[in-house]
N, C-alpha and C. Protein backbone atom coordinates (compact mmCIF):
# COMPACT_ATOMS: atom_id res chain seq x y z
N UNK A 1 34.54 129.05 94.78
CA UNK A 1 33.32 128.42 94.73
C UNK A 1 33.22 127.06 94.19
N UNK A 2 33.98 126.90 93.12
CA UNK A 2 34.01 125.65 92.44
C UNK A 2 34.44 124.44 93.35
N UNK A 3 35.12 124.69 94.36
CA UNK A 3 35.65 123.67 95.17
C UNK A 3 34.78 123.38 96.42
N UNK A 4 33.67 124.10 96.38
CA UNK A 4 32.79 123.91 97.71
C UNK A 4 31.39 123.44 97.05
N UNK A 5 30.74 122.56 97.93
CA UNK A 5 29.20 122.31 97.67
C UNK A 5 28.41 122.81 98.71
N UNK A 6 27.85 124.01 98.34
CA UNK A 6 27.27 124.80 99.21
C UNK A 6 25.81 124.34 99.36
N UNK A 7 25.34 123.28 98.58
CA UNK A 7 24.09 122.81 98.74
C UNK A 7 23.87 121.83 99.85
N UNK A 8 25.01 121.12 100.13
CA UNK A 8 25.07 120.24 101.19
C UNK A 8 24.84 120.94 102.54
N UNK A 9 23.70 120.53 103.28
CA UNK A 9 23.55 121.19 104.52
C UNK A 9 22.57 122.41 104.44
N UNK A 10 22.02 122.64 103.29
CA UNK A 10 21.12 123.71 102.93
C UNK A 10 19.67 123.22 103.49
N UNK A 11 18.95 124.05 104.05
CA UNK A 11 17.58 123.76 104.52
C UNK A 11 16.78 123.49 103.33
N UNK A 12 15.79 122.71 103.55
CA UNK A 12 14.85 122.30 102.56
C UNK A 12 13.60 123.13 102.43
N UNK A 13 13.33 123.86 103.54
CA UNK A 13 11.92 124.65 103.58
C UNK A 13 12.37 126.20 103.28
N UNK A 14 11.39 126.77 102.54
CA UNK A 14 11.48 128.18 102.36
C UNK A 14 10.91 128.86 103.63
N UNK A 15 11.26 130.10 103.95
CA UNK A 15 12.33 130.88 103.38
C UNK A 15 13.64 130.52 103.93
N UNK A 16 13.96 129.72 104.92
CA UNK A 16 15.10 129.36 105.50
C UNK A 16 16.15 129.06 104.51
N UNK A 17 15.70 128.31 103.33
CA UNK A 17 16.67 127.99 102.19
C UNK A 17 17.13 129.25 101.59
N UNK A 18 16.37 130.17 101.28
CA UNK A 18 16.81 131.38 100.60
C UNK A 18 17.73 132.26 101.42
N UNK A 19 17.45 132.12 102.68
CA UNK A 19 18.23 132.89 103.58
C UNK A 19 19.73 132.24 103.74
N UNK A 20 19.66 131.00 103.70
CA UNK A 20 20.94 130.19 103.92
C UNK A 20 21.90 130.56 102.56
N UNK A 21 21.20 130.53 101.36
CA UNK A 21 21.94 130.77 100.17
C UNK A 21 22.40 132.28 100.04
N UNK A 22 21.55 133.25 100.63
CA UNK A 22 22.00 134.67 100.58
C UNK A 22 23.31 134.83 101.58
N UNK A 23 23.31 134.06 102.66
CA UNK A 23 24.40 134.23 103.60
C UNK A 23 25.66 133.54 102.93
N UNK A 24 25.40 132.43 102.20
CA UNK A 24 26.63 131.87 101.41
C UNK A 24 27.15 132.96 100.39
N UNK A 25 26.41 133.58 99.77
CA UNK A 25 26.85 134.42 98.67
C UNK A 25 27.47 135.69 99.37
N UNK A 26 26.82 136.07 100.39
CA UNK A 26 27.42 137.14 101.10
C UNK A 26 28.97 136.82 101.67
N UNK A 27 29.18 135.61 102.13
CA UNK A 27 30.44 135.22 102.57
C UNK A 27 31.47 135.28 101.32
N UNK A 28 30.97 134.71 100.23
CA UNK A 28 31.87 134.65 99.00
C UNK A 28 32.19 135.99 98.46
N UNK A 29 31.26 136.89 98.43
CA UNK A 29 31.55 138.41 98.00
C UNK A 29 32.55 139.01 98.95
N UNK A 30 32.32 138.77 100.27
CA UNK A 30 33.23 139.36 101.23
C UNK A 30 34.60 138.88 100.99
N UNK A 31 34.82 137.67 100.73
CA UNK A 31 36.18 136.98 100.68
C UNK A 31 36.71 137.59 99.42
N UNK A 32 36.13 137.50 98.41
CA UNK A 32 36.60 138.08 97.11
C UNK A 32 36.93 139.48 97.16
N UNK A 33 36.15 140.35 97.83
CA UNK A 33 36.40 141.76 98.05
C UNK A 33 37.71 141.86 98.86
N UNK A 34 38.02 141.05 99.84
CA UNK A 34 38.96 141.22 100.62
C UNK A 34 40.36 140.72 99.87
N UNK A 35 40.15 139.67 99.12
CA UNK A 35 41.18 139.24 98.14
C UNK A 35 41.78 140.21 97.16
N UNK A 36 40.85 141.00 96.64
CA UNK A 36 41.18 141.96 95.75
C UNK A 36 41.61 143.43 96.37
N UNK A 37 41.22 143.61 97.58
CA UNK A 37 41.61 144.68 98.42
C UNK A 37 40.74 145.89 98.04
N UNK A 38 39.47 145.66 97.52
CA UNK A 38 38.65 146.83 97.34
C UNK A 38 37.15 146.11 97.17
N UNK A 39 36.11 147.09 97.43
CA UNK A 39 34.75 146.67 97.33
C UNK A 39 34.44 146.14 95.91
N UNK A 40 33.69 145.34 95.73
CA UNK A 40 33.26 144.72 94.41
C UNK A 40 32.08 145.66 93.93
N UNK A 41 32.02 145.84 92.57
CA UNK A 41 30.92 146.70 91.96
C UNK A 41 30.28 145.76 90.79
N UNK A 42 29.32 146.32 90.30
CA UNK A 42 28.56 145.76 89.21
C UNK A 42 28.13 146.87 88.24
N UNK A 43 27.87 146.47 87.10
CA UNK A 43 27.25 147.42 86.14
C UNK A 43 26.14 146.84 85.60
N UNK A 44 25.08 147.56 85.47
CA UNK A 44 23.74 147.10 84.89
C UNK A 44 23.33 148.05 83.75
N UNK A 45 23.15 147.45 82.61
CA UNK A 45 22.88 148.12 81.30
C UNK A 45 21.45 147.56 80.97
N UNK A 46 20.45 148.62 81.04
CA UNK A 46 19.07 148.12 80.67
C UNK A 46 18.72 148.82 79.41
N UNK A 47 17.88 148.12 78.64
CA UNK A 47 17.19 148.61 77.37
C UNK A 47 15.72 148.67 77.67
N UNK A 48 15.09 149.70 77.20
CA UNK A 48 13.68 149.98 77.45
C UNK A 48 13.23 151.39 77.31
N UNK A 49 12.09 151.58 77.63
CA UNK A 49 11.51 152.96 77.46
C UNK A 49 12.08 153.88 78.46
N UNK A 50 12.41 155.00 78.01
CA UNK A 50 12.97 156.07 79.06
C UNK A 50 11.89 156.61 79.81
N UNK A 51 12.17 156.89 81.03
CA UNK A 51 11.19 157.56 81.82
C UNK A 51 10.99 159.06 81.36
N UNK A 52 9.85 159.61 81.55
CA UNK A 52 9.69 161.00 81.13
C UNK A 52 9.47 161.92 82.33
């Protein structure tokens, strides 16, 4: 990602701009997943009131 400028060519109007960046991120995640040979995962740790 550091060697690419994904802003160049991005639409200026919403929501097309958001859609453009979502597609760019999707491509980056797919490429990283293929490189690692496994699906990528994430961990979310939240602090707050527990549900009852």
